[in-house]
Amino acid sequence: TKTIEYLDSRVVKTIYEATKDWDEPVTIAVLPDHPTPCHLRT
């Protein structure tokens, strides 16, 4: 949960705020590659 919050506050926020007013349109996609459920550990 903390790593997701870090991703939000330390990566996504920074990139969005830096690019939101660029003259050229910007596309941002957010996703994982696969689930890694904690109860399965795989």
ModelCIF file with pLDDT and N, C-alpha, C, O atoms, coordinates in Angstrom:
data_MODEL
#
_entry.id   MODEL 
#
_entity.id                         1 
_entity.type                       polymer 
_entity.pdbx_number_of_molecules   1 
#
_entity_poly.entity_id                      1 
_entity_poly.type                           'polypeptide(L)' 
_entity_poly.nstd_linkage                   no 
_entity_poly.nstd_monomer                   no 
_entity_poly.pdbx_seq_one_letter_code       TKTIEYLDSRVVKTIYEATKDWDEPVTIAVLPDHPTPCHLRT 
_entity_poly.pdbx_seq_one_letter_code_can   TKTIEYLDSRVVKTIYEATKDWDEPVTIAVLPDHPTPCHLRT 
_entity_poly.pdbx_strand_id                 A 
#
loop_
_entity_poly_seq.entity_id 
_entity_poly_seq.num 
_entity_poly_seq.mon_id 
_entity_poly_seq.hetero 
1 1  THR n 
1 2  LYS n 
1 3  THR n 
1 4  ILE n 
1 5  GLU n 
1 6  TYR n 
1 7  LEU n 
1 8  ASP n 
1 9  SER n 
1 10 ARG n 
1 11 VAL n 
1 12 VAL n 
1 13 LYS n 
1 14 THR n 
1 15 ILE n 
1 16 TYR n 
1 17 GLU n 
1 18 ALA n 
1 19 THR n 
1 20 LYS n 
1 21 ASP n 
1 22 TRP n 
1 23 ASP n 
1 24 GLU n 
1 25 PRO n 
1 26 VAL n 
1 27 THR n 
1 28 ILE n 
1 29 ALA n 
1 30 VAL n 
1 31 LEU n 
1 32 PRO n 
1 33 ASP n 
1 34 HIS n 
1 35 PRO n 
1 36 THR n 
1 37 PRO n 
1 38 CYS n 
1 39 HIS n 
1 40 LEU n 
1 41 ARG n 
1 42 THR n 
#
_struct_asym.id          A 
_struct_asym.entity_id   1 
#
loop_
_ma_qa_metric.id 
_ma_qa_metric.mode 
_ma_qa_metric.name 
_ma_qa_metric.software_group_id 
_ma_qa_metric.type 
1 global pLDDT . pLDDT 
2 local  pLDDT . pLDDT 
#
_ma_qa_metric_global.metric_id      1 
_ma_qa_metric_global.metric_value   96.40 
_ma_qa_metric_global.model_id       1 
_ma_qa_metric_global.ordinal_id     1 
#
loop_
_ma_qa_metric_local.label_asym_id 
_ma_qa_metric_local.label_comp_id 
_ma_qa_metric_local.label_seq_id 
_ma_qa_metric_local.metric_id 
_ma_qa_metric_local.metric_value 
_ma_qa_metric_local.model_id 
_ma_qa_metric_local.ordinal_id 
A THR 1  2 98.00 1 1  
A LYS 2  2 97.00 1 2  
A THR 3  2 96.00 1 3  
A ILE 4  2 97.00 1 4  
A GLU 5  2 98.00 1 5  
A TYR 6  2 96.00 1 6  
A LEU 7  2 97.00 1 7  
A ASP 8  2 98.00 1 8  
A SER 9  2 97.00 1 9  
A ARG 10 2 96.00 1 10 
A VAL 11 2 97.00 1 11 
A VAL 12 2 98.00 1 12 
A LYS 13 2 98.00 1 13 
A THR 14 2 97.00 1 14 
A ILE 15 2 98.00 1 15 
A TYR 16 2 98.00 1 16 
A GLU 17 2 97.00 1 17 
A ALA 18 2 97.00 1 18 
A THR 19 2 97.00 1 19 
A LYS 20 2 94.00 1 20 
A ASP 21 2 92.00 1 21 
A TRP 22 2 95.00 1 22 
A ASP 23 2 93.00 1 23 
A GLU 24 2 94.00 1 24 
A PRO 25 2 95.00 1 25 
A VAL 26 2 97.00 1 26 
A THR 27 2 97.00 1 27 
A ILE 28 2 98.00 1 28 
A ALA 29 2 98.00 1 29 
A VAL 30 2 98.00 1 30 
A LEU 31 2 98.00 1 31 
A PRO 32 2 98.00 1 32 
A ASP 33 2 98.00 1 33 
A HIS 34 2 98.00 1 34 
A PRO 35 2 97.00 1 35 
A THR 36 2 97.00 1 36 
A PRO 37 2 97.00 1 37 
A CYS 38 2 97.00 1 38 
A HIS 39 2 95.00 1 39 
A LEU 40 2 94.00 1 40 
A ARG 41 2 92.00 1 41 
A THR 42 2 90.00 1 42 
#
loop_
_atom_site.group_PDB 
_atom_site.id 
_atom_site.type_symbol 
_atom_site.label_atom_id 
_atom_site.label_alt_id 
_atom_site.label_comp_id 
_atom_site.label_asym_id 
_atom_site.label_entity_id 
_atom_site.label_seq_id 
_atom_site.pdbx_PDB_ins_code 
_atom_site.Cartn_x 
_atom_site.Cartn_y 
_atom_site.Cartn_z 
_atom_site.occupancy 
_atom_site.B_iso_or_equiv 
_atom_site.pdbx_formal_charge 
_atom_site.auth_seq_id 
_atom_site.auth_comp_id 
_atom_site.auth_asym_id 
_atom_site.auth_atom_id 
_atom_site.pdbx_PDB_model_num 
ATOM 1   N N  . THR A 1 1  ? 0.836  -1.201  0.000   1.00 98.00 ? 1  THR A N  1 
ATOM 2   C CA . THR A 1 1  ? 0.000  0.000   0.000   1.00 98.00 ? 1  THR A CA 1 
ATOM 3   C C  . THR A 1 1  ? 0.874  1.255   0.000   1.00 98.00 ? 1  THR A C  1 
ATOM 4   O O  . THR A 1 1  ? 0.581  2.223   -0.702  1.00 98.00 ? 1  THR A O  1 
ATOM 5   N N  . LYS A 1 2  ? 1.942  1.230   0.789   1.00 97.00 ? 2  LYS A N  1 
ATOM 6   C CA . LYS A 1 2  ? 2.845  2.381   0.875   1.00 97.00 ? 2  LYS A CA 1 
ATOM 7   C C  . LYS A 1 2  ? 3.557  2.616   -0.459  1.00 97.00 ? 2  LYS A C  1 
ATOM 8   O O  . LYS A 1 2  ? 3.747  3.763   -0.865  1.00 97.00 ? 2  LYS A O  1 
ATOM 9   N N  . THR A 1 3  ? 3.954  1.530   -1.147  1.00 96.00 ? 3  THR A N  1 
ATOM 10  C CA . THR A 1 3  ? 4.640  1.711   -2.438  1.00 96.00 ? 3  THR A CA 1 
ATOM 11  C C  . THR A 1 3  ? 3.716  2.362   -3.468  1.00 96.00 ? 3  THR A C  1 
ATOM 12  O O  . THR A 1 3  ? 4.171  3.129   -4.317  1.00 96.00 ? 3  THR A O  1 
ATOM 13  N N  . ILE A 1 4  ? 2.422  2.057   -3.393  1.00 97.00 ? 4  ILE A N  1 
ATOM 14  C CA . ILE A 1 4  ? 1.461  2.689   -4.307  1.00 97.00 ? 4  ILE A CA 1 
ATOM 15  C C  . ILE A 1 4  ? 1.320  4.170   -3.975  1.00 97.00 ? 4  ILE A C  1 
ATOM 16  O O  . ILE A 1 4  ? 1.227  5.010   -4.871  1.00 97.00 ? 4  ILE A O  1 
ATOM 17  N N  . GLU A 1 5  ? 1.305  4.483   -2.687  1.00 98.00 ? 5  GLU A N  1 
ATOM 18  C CA . GLU A 1 5  ? 1.239  5.890   -2.279  1.00 98.00 ? 5  GLU A CA 1 
ATOM 19  C C  . GLU A 1 5  ? 2.501  6.645   -2.695  1.00 98.00 ? 5  GLU A C  1 
ATOM 20  O O  . GLU A 1 5  ? 2.431  7.806   -3.098  1.00 98.00 ? 5  GLU A O  1 
ATOM 21  N N  . TYR A 1 6  ? 3.649  5.984   -2.597  1.00 96.00 ? 6  TYR A N  1 
ATOM 22  C CA . TYR A 1 6  ? 4.896  6.595   -3.072  1.00 96.00 ? 6  TYR A CA 1 
ATOM 23  C C  . TYR A 1 6  ? 4.836  6.843   -4.578  1.00 96.00 ? 6  TYR A C  1 
ATOM 24  O O  . TYR A 1 6  ? 5.248  7.899   -5.058  1.00 96.00 ? 6  TYR A O  1 
ATOM 25  N N  . LEU A 1 7  ? 4.322  5.866   -5.314  1.00 97.00 ? 7  LEU A N  1 
ATOM 26  C CA . LEU A 1 7  ? 4.198  6.032   -6.764  1.00 97.00 ? 7  LEU A CA 1 
ATOM 27  C C  . LEU A 1 7  ? 3.339  7.249   -7.082  1.00 97.00 ? 7  LEU A C  1 
ATOM 28  O O  . LEU A 1 7  ? 3.658  8.025   -7.983  1.00 97.00 ? 7  LEU A O  1 
ATOM 29  N N  . ASP A 1 8  ? 2.249  7.412   -6.338  1.00 98.00 ? 8  ASP A N  1 
ATOM 30  C CA . ASP A 1 8  ? 1.338  8.522   -6.570  1.00 98.00 ? 8  ASP A CA 1 
ATOM 31  C C  . ASP A 1 8  ? 1.986  9.867   -6.243  1.00 98.00 ? 8  ASP A C  1 
ATOM 32  O O  . ASP A 1 8  ? 1.982  10.785  -7.063  1.00 98.00 ? 8  ASP A O  1 
ATOM 33  N N  . SER A 1 9  ? 2.546  9.971   -5.029  1.00 97.00 ? 9  SER A N  1 
ATOM 34  C CA . SER A 1 9  ? 2.999  11.273  -4.538  1.00 97.00 ? 9  SER A CA 1 
ATOM 35  C C  . SER A 1 9  ? 4.382  11.669  -5.029  1.00 97.00 ? 9  SER A C  1 
ATOM 36  O O  . SER A 1 9  ? 4.717  12.853  -5.068  1.00 97.00 ? 9  SER A O  1 
ATOM 37  N N  . ARG A 1 10 ? 5.190  10.674  -5.407  1.00 96.00 ? 10 ARG A N  1 
ATOM 38  C CA . ARG A 1 10 ? 6.588  10.964  -5.746  1.00 96.00 ? 10 ARG A CA 1 
ATOM 39  C C  . ARG A 1 10 ? 6.901  10.773  -7.228  1.00 96.00 ? 10 ARG A C  1 
ATOM 40  O O  . ARG A 1 10 ? 7.972  11.160  -7.696  1.00 96.00 ? 10 ARG A O  1 
ATOM 41  N N  . VAL A 1 11 ? 5.953  10.170  -7.971  1.00 97.00 ? 11 VAL A N  1 
ATOM 42  C CA . VAL A 1 11 ? 6.163  9.959   -9.408  1.00 97.00 ? 11 VAL A CA 1 
ATOM 43  C C  . VAL A 1 11 ? 5.022  10.566  -10.229 1.00 97.00 ? 11 VAL A C  1 
ATOM 44  O O  . VAL A 1 11 ? 5.244  11.476  -11.028 1.00 97.00 ? 11 VAL A O  1 
ATOM 45  N N  . VAL A 1 12 ? 3.796  10.058  -10.030 1.00 98.00 ? 12 VAL A N  1 
ATOM 46  C CA . VAL A 1 12 ? 2.675  10.501  -10.863 1.00 98.00 ? 12 VAL A CA 1 
ATOM 47  C C  . VAL A 1 12 ? 2.399  11.989  -10.662 1.00 98.00 ? 12 VAL A C  1 
ATOM 48  O O  . VAL A 1 12 ? 2.221  12.721  -11.635 1.00 98.00 ? 12 VAL A O  1 
ATOM 49  N N  . LYS A 1 13 ? 2.362  12.441  -9.410  1.00 98.00 ? 13 LYS A N  1 
ATOM 50  C CA . LYS A 1 13 ? 2.146  13.864  -9.128  1.00 98.00 ? 13 LYS A CA 1 
ATOM 51  C C  . LYS A 1 13 ? 3.201  14.722  -9.832  1.00 98.00 ? 13 LYS A C  1 
ATOM 52  O O  . LYS A 1 13 ? 2.870  15.713  -10.482 1.00 98.00 ? 13 LYS A O  1 
ATOM 53  N N  . THR A 1 14 ? 4.468  14.333  -9.699  1.00 97.00 ? 14 THR A N  1 
ATOM 54  C CA . THR A 1 14 ? 5.570  15.111  -10.270 1.00 97.00 ? 14 THR A CA 1 
ATOM 55  C C  . THR A 1 14 ? 5.452  15.211  -11.783 1.00 97.00 ? 14 THR A C  1 
ATOM 56  O O  . THR A 1 14 ? 5.626  16.284  -12.361 1.00 97.00 ? 14 THR A O  1 
ATOM 57  N N  . ILE A 1 15 ? 5.155  14.081  -12.422 1.00 98.00 ? 15 ILE A N  1 
ATOM 58  C CA . ILE A 1 15 ? 5.075  14.053  -13.885 1.00 98.00 ? 15 ILE A CA 1 
ATOM 59  C C  . ILE A 1 15 ? 3.851  14.830  -14.378 1.00 98.00 ? 15 ILE A C  1 
ATOM 60  O O  . ILE A 1 15 ? 3.942  15.582  -15.349 1.00 98.00 ? 15 ILE A O  1 
ATOM 61  N N  . TYR A 1 16 ? 2.716  14.650  -13.715 1.00 98.00 ? 16 TYR A N  1 
ATOM 62  C CA . TYR A 1 16 ? 1.506  15.367  -14.134 1.00 98.00 ? 16 TYR A CA 1 
ATOM 63  C C  . TYR A 1 16 ? 1.683  16.875  -13.988 1.00 98.00 ? 16 TYR A C  1 
ATOM 64  O O  . TYR A 1 16 ? 1.375  17.629  -14.911 1.00 98.00 ? 16 TYR A O  1 
ATOM 65  N N  . GLU A 1 17 ? 2.179  17.315  -12.831 1.00 97.00 ? 17 GLU A N  1 
ATOM 66  C CA . GLU A 1 17 ? 2.337  18.756  -12.596 1.00 97.00 ? 17 GLU A CA 1 
ATOM 67  C C  . GLU A 1 17 ? 3.350  19.380  -13.557 1.00 97.00 ? 17 GLU A C  1 
ATOM 68  O O  . GLU A 1 17 ? 3.206  20.535  -13.957 1.00 97.00 ? 17 GLU A O  1 
ATOM 69  N N  . ALA A 1 18 ? 4.374  18.607  -13.924 1.00 97.00 ? 18 ALA A N  1 
ATOM 70  C CA . ALA A 1 18 ? 5.405  19.143  -14.821 1.00 97.00 ? 18 ALA A CA 1 
ATOM 71  C C  . ALA A 1 18 ? 4.931  19.245  -16.260 1.00 97.00 ? 18 ALA A C  1 
ATOM 72  O O  . ALA A 1 18 ? 5.431  20.081  -17.013 1.00 97.00 ? 18 ALA A O  1 
ATOM 73  N N  . THR A 1 19 ? 3.968  18.405  -16.660 1.00 97.00 ? 19 THR A N  1 
ATOM 74  C CA . THR A 1 19 ? 3.591  18.323  -18.080 1.00 97.00 ? 19 THR A CA 1 
ATOM 75  C C  . THR A 1 19 ? 2.205  18.878  -18.395 1.00 97.00 ? 19 THR A C  1 
ATOM 76  O O  . THR A 1 19 ? 1.855  19.010  -19.568 1.00 97.00 ? 19 THR A O  1 
ATOM 77  N N  . LYS A 1 20 ? 1.407  19.205  -17.376 1.00 94.00 ? 20 LYS A N  1 
ATOM 78  C CA . LYS A 1 20 ? -0.006 19.537  -17.630 1.00 94.00 ? 20 LYS A CA 1 
ATOM 79  C C  . LYS A 1 20 ? -0.196 20.798  -18.462 1.00 94.00 ? 20 LYS A C  1 
ATOM 80  O O  . LYS A 1 20 ? -1.218 20.959  -19.128 1.00 94.00 ? 20 LYS A O  1 
ATOM 81  N N  . ASP A 1 21 ? 0.782  21.688  -18.425 1.00 92.00 ? 21 ASP A N  1 
ATOM 82  C CA . ASP A 1 21 ? 0.648  22.944  -19.170 1.00 92.00 ? 21 ASP A CA 1 
ATOM 83  C C  . ASP A 1 21 ? 1.525  23.002  -20.412 1.00 92.00 ? 21 ASP A C  1 
ATOM 84  O O  . ASP A 1 21 ? 1.685  24.068  -21.006 1.00 92.00 ? 21 ASP A O  1 
ATOM 85  N N  . TRP A 1 22 ? 2.093  21.874  -20.811 1.00 95.00 ? 22 TRP A N  1 
ATOM 86  C CA . TRP A 1 22 ? 2.899  21.861  -22.036 1.00 95.00 ? 22 TRP A CA 1 
ATOM 87  C C  . TRP A 1 22 ? 2.019  22.203  -23.242 1.00 95.00 ? 22 TRP A C  1 
ATOM 88  O O  . TRP A 1 22 ? 0.837  21.864  -23.286 1.00 95.00 ? 22 TRP A O  1 
ATOM 89  N N  . ASP A 1 23 ? 2.618  22.869  -24.201 1.00 93.00 ? 23 ASP A N  1 
ATOM 90  C CA . ASP A 1 23 ? 1.875  23.200  -25.421 1.00 93.00 ? 23 ASP A CA 1 
ATOM 91  C C  . ASP A 1 23 ? 1.506  21.947  -26.201 1.00 93.00 ? 23 ASP A C  1 
ATOM 92  O O  . ASP A 1 23 ? 0.411  21.851  -26.754 1.00 93.00 ? 23 ASP A O  1 
ATOM 93  N N  . GLU A 1 24 ? 2.424  20.989  -26.242 1.00 94.00 ? 24 GLU A N  1 
ATOM 94  C CA . GLU A 1 24 ? 2.158  19.741  -26.968 1.00 94.00 ? 24 GLU A CA 1 
ATOM 95  C C  . GLU A 1 24 ? 1.314  18.800  -26.099 1.00 94.00 ? 24 GLU A C  1 
ATOM 96  O O  . GLU A 1 24 ? 1.598  18.648  -24.911 1.00 94.00 ? 24 GLU A O  1 
ATOM 97  N N  . PRO A 1 25 ? 0.290  18.172  -26.666 1.00 95.00 ? 25 PRO A N  1 
ATOM 98  C CA . PRO A 1 25 ? -0.538 17.259  -25.883 1.00 95.00 ? 25 PRO A CA 1 
ATOM 99  C C  . PRO A 1 25 ? 0.289  16.129  -25.252 1.00 95.00 ? 25 PRO A C  1 
ATOM 100 O O  . PRO A 1 25 ? 1.253  15.641  -25.842 1.00 95.00 ? 25 PRO A O  1 
ATOM 101 N N  . VAL A 1 26 ? -0.110 15.729  -24.051 1.00 97.00 ? 26 VAL A N  1 
ATOM 102 C CA . VAL A 1 26 ? 0.586  14.674  -23.315 1.00 97.00 ? 26 VAL A CA 1 
ATOM 103 C C  . VAL A 1 26 ? -0.404 13.563  -22.974 1.00 97.00 ? 26 VAL A C  1 
ATOM 104 O O  . VAL A 1 26 ? -1.515 13.824  -22.514 1.00 97.00 ? 26 VAL A O  1 
ATOM 105 N N  . THR A 1 27 ? 0.013  12.337  -23.203 1.00 97.00 ? 27 THR A N  1 
ATOM 106 C CA . THR A 1 27 ? -0.756 11.161  -22.798 1.00 97.00 ? 27 THR A CA 1 
ATOM 107 C C  . THR A 1 27 ? -0.004 10.453  -21.674 1.00 97.00 ? 27 THR A C  1 
ATOM 108 O O  . THR A 1 27 ? 1.189  10.173  -21.791 1.00 97.00 ? 27 THR A O  1 
ATOM 109 N N  . ILE A 1 28 ? -0.718 10.166  -20.580 1.00 98.00 ? 28 ILE A N  1 
ATOM 110 C CA . ILE A 1 28 ? -0.140 9.428   -19.457 1.00 98.00 ? 28 ILE A CA 1 
ATOM 111 C C  . ILE A 1 28 ? -0.977 8.185   -19.226 1.00 98.00 ? 28 ILE A C  1 
ATOM 112 O O  . ILE A 1 28 ? -2.183 8.278   -19.000 1.00 98.00 ? 28 ILE A O  1 
ATOM 113 N N  . ALA A 1 29 ? -0.344 7.020   -19.281 1.00 98.00 ? 29 ALA A N  1 
ATOM 114 C CA . ALA A 1 29 ? -1.009 5.755   -18.951 1.00 98.00 ? 29 ALA A CA 1 
ATOM 115 C C  . ALA A 1 29 ? -0.437 5.232   -17.641 1.00 98.00 ? 29 ALA A C  1 
ATOM 116 O O  . ALA A 1 29 ? 0.768  5.316   -17.406 1.00 98.00 ? 29 ALA A O  1 
ATOM 117 N N  . VAL A 1 30 ? -1.308 4.691   -16.785 1.00 98.00 ? 30 VAL A N  1 
ATOM 118 C CA . VAL A 1 30 ? -0.886 4.082   -15.523 1.00 98.00 ? 30 VAL A CA 1 
ATOM 119 C C  . VAL A 1 30 ? -1.467 2.683   -15.457 1.00 98.00 ? 30 VAL A C  1 
ATOM 120 O O  . VAL A 1 30 ? -2.656 2.481   -15.703 1.00 98.00 ? 30 VAL A O  1 
ATOM 121 N N  . LEU A 1 31 ? -0.621 1.721   -15.124 1.00 98.00 ? 31 LEU A N  1 
ATOM 122 C CA . LEU A 1 31 ? -1.063 0.323   -15.034 1.00 98.00 ? 31 LEU A CA 1 
ATOM 123 C C  . LEU A 1 31 ? 0.030  -0.528  -14.405 1.00 98.00 ? 31 LEU A C  1 
ATOM 124 O O  . LEU A 1 31 ? 1.195  -0.129  -14.381 1.00 98.00 ? 31 LEU A O  1 
ATOM 125 N N  . PRO A 1 32 ? -0.344 -1.713  -13.890 1.00 98.00 ? 32 PRO A N  1 
ATOM 126 C CA . PRO A 1 32 ? 0.652  -2.732  -13.574 1.00 98.00 ? 32 PRO A CA 1 
ATOM 127 C C  . PRO A 1 32 ? 0.819  -3.661  -14.774 1.00 98.00 ? 32 PRO A C  1 
ATOM 128 O O  . PRO A 1 32 ? 0.144  -3.501  -15.791 1.00 98.00 ? 32 PRO A O  1 
ATOM 129 N N  . ASP A 1 33 ? 1.712  -4.620  -14.649 1.00 98.00 ? 33 ASP A N  1 
ATOM 130 C CA . ASP A 1 33 ? 1.856  -5.618  -15.707 1.00 98.00 ? 33 ASP A CA 1 
ATOM 131 C C  . ASP A 1 33 ? 1.033  -6.870  -15.406 1.00 98.00 ? 33 ASP A C  1 
ATOM 132 O O  . ASP A 1 33 ? 0.543  -7.526  -16.325 1.00 98.00 ? 33 ASP A O  1 
ATOM 133 N N  . HIS A 1 34 ? 0.881  -7.197  -14.139 1.00 98.00 ? 34 HIS A N  1 
ATOM 134 C CA . HIS A 1 34 ? 0.138  -8.373  -13.685 1.00 98.00 ? 34 HIS A CA 1 
ATOM 135 C C  . HIS A 1 34 ? -0.192 -8.153  -12.219 1.00 98.00 ? 34 HIS A C  1 
ATOM 136 O O  . HIS A 1 34 ? 0.432  -7.298  -11.590 1.00 98.00 ? 34 HIS A O  1 
ATOM 137 N N  . PRO A 1 35 ? -1.145 -8.883  -11.640 1.00 97.00 ? 35 PRO A N  1 
ATOM 138 C CA . PRO A 1 35 ? -1.329 -8.833  -10.192 1.00 97.00 ? 35 PRO A CA 1 
ATOM 139 C C  . PRO A 1 35 ? -0.247 -9.661  -9.480  1.00 97.00 ? 35 PRO A C  1 
ATOM 140 O O  . PRO A 1 35 ? 0.220  -10.673 -10.002 1.00 97.00 ? 35 PRO A O  1 
ATOM 141 N N  . THR A 1 36 ? 0.139  -9.208  -8.279  1.00 97.00 ? 36 THR A N  1 
ATOM 142 C CA . THR A 1 36 ? 0.949  -10.016 -7.372  1.00 97.00 ? 36 THR A CA 1 
ATOM 143 C C  . THR A 1 36 ? 0.249  -9.991  -6.015  1.00 97.00 ? 36 THR A C  1 
ATOM 144 O O  . THR A 1 36 ? 0.634  -9.220  -5.136  1.00 97.00 ? 36 THR A O  1 
ATOM 145 N N  . PRO A 1 37 ? -0.782 -10.833 -5.835  1.00 97.00 ? 37 PRO A N  1 
ATOM 146 C CA . PRO A 1 37 ? -1.556 -10.801 -4.593  1.00 97.00 ? 37 PRO A CA 1 
ATOM 147 C C  . PRO A 1 37 ? -0.706 -11.156 -3.370  1.00 97.00 ? 37 PRO A C  1 
ATOM 148 O O  . PRO A 1 37 ? 0.063  -12.117 -3.389  1.00 97.00 ? 37 PRO A O  1 
ATOM 149 N N  . CYS A 1 38 ? -0.860 -10.364 -2.315  1.00 97.00 ? 38 CYS A N  1 
ATOM 150 C CA . CYS A 1 38 ? -0.053 -10.570 -1.114  1.00 97.00 ? 38 CYS A CA 1 
ATOM 151 C C  . CYS A 1 38 ? -0.309 -11.930 -0.470  1.00 97.00 ? 38 CYS A C  1 
ATOM 152 O O  . CYS A 1 38 ? 0.606  -12.534 0.090   1.00 97.00 ? 38 CYS A O  1 
ATOM 153 N N  . HIS A 1 39 ? -1.545 -12.411 -0.547  1.00 95.00 ? 39 HIS A N  1 
ATOM 154 C CA . HIS A 1 39 ? -1.823 -13.684 0.124   1.00 95.00 ? 39 HIS A CA 1 
ATOM 155 C C  . HIS A 1 39 ? -1.247 -14.877 -0.645  1.00 95.00 ? 39 HIS A C  1 
ATOM 156 O O  . HIS A 1 39 ? -1.044 -15.946 -0.068  1.00 95.00 ? 39 HIS A O  1 
ATOM 157 N N  . LEU A 1 40 ? -0.987 -14.699 -1.928  1.00 94.00 ? 40 LEU A N  1 
ATOM 158 C CA . LEU A 1 40 ? -0.372 -15.762 -2.737  1.00 94.00 ? 40 LEU A CA 1 
ATOM 159 C C  . LEU A 1 40 ? 1.138  -15.612 -2.831  1.00 94.00 ? 40 LEU A C  1 
ATOM 160 O O  . LEU A 1 40 ? 1.858  -16.600 -2.973  1.00 94.00 ? 40 LEU A O  1 
ATOM 161 N N  . ARG A 1 41 ? 1.616  -14.371 -2.752  1.00 92.00 ? 41 ARG A N  1 
ATOM 162 C CA . ARG A 1 41 ? 3.040  -14.037 -2.848  1.00 92.00 ? 41 ARG A CA 1 
ATOM 163 C C  . ARG A 1 41 ? 3.639  -14.412 -4.205  1.00 92.00 ? 41 ARG A C  1 
ATOM 164 O O  . ARG A 1 41 ? 4.842  -14.647 -4.317  1.00 92.00 ? 41 ARG A O  1 
ATOM 165 N N  . THR A 1 42 ? 2.798  -14.464 -5.224  1.00 90.00 ? 42 THR A N  1 
ATOM 166 C CA . THR A 1 42 ? 3.268  -14.717 -6.581  1.00 90.00 ? 42 THR A CA 1 
ATOM 167 C C  . THR A 1 42 ? 2.307  -14.088 -7.576  1.00 90.00 ? 42 THR A C  1 
ATOM 168 O O  . THR A 1 42 ? 2.519  -14.184 -8.785  1.00 90.00 ? 42 THR A O  1 
#
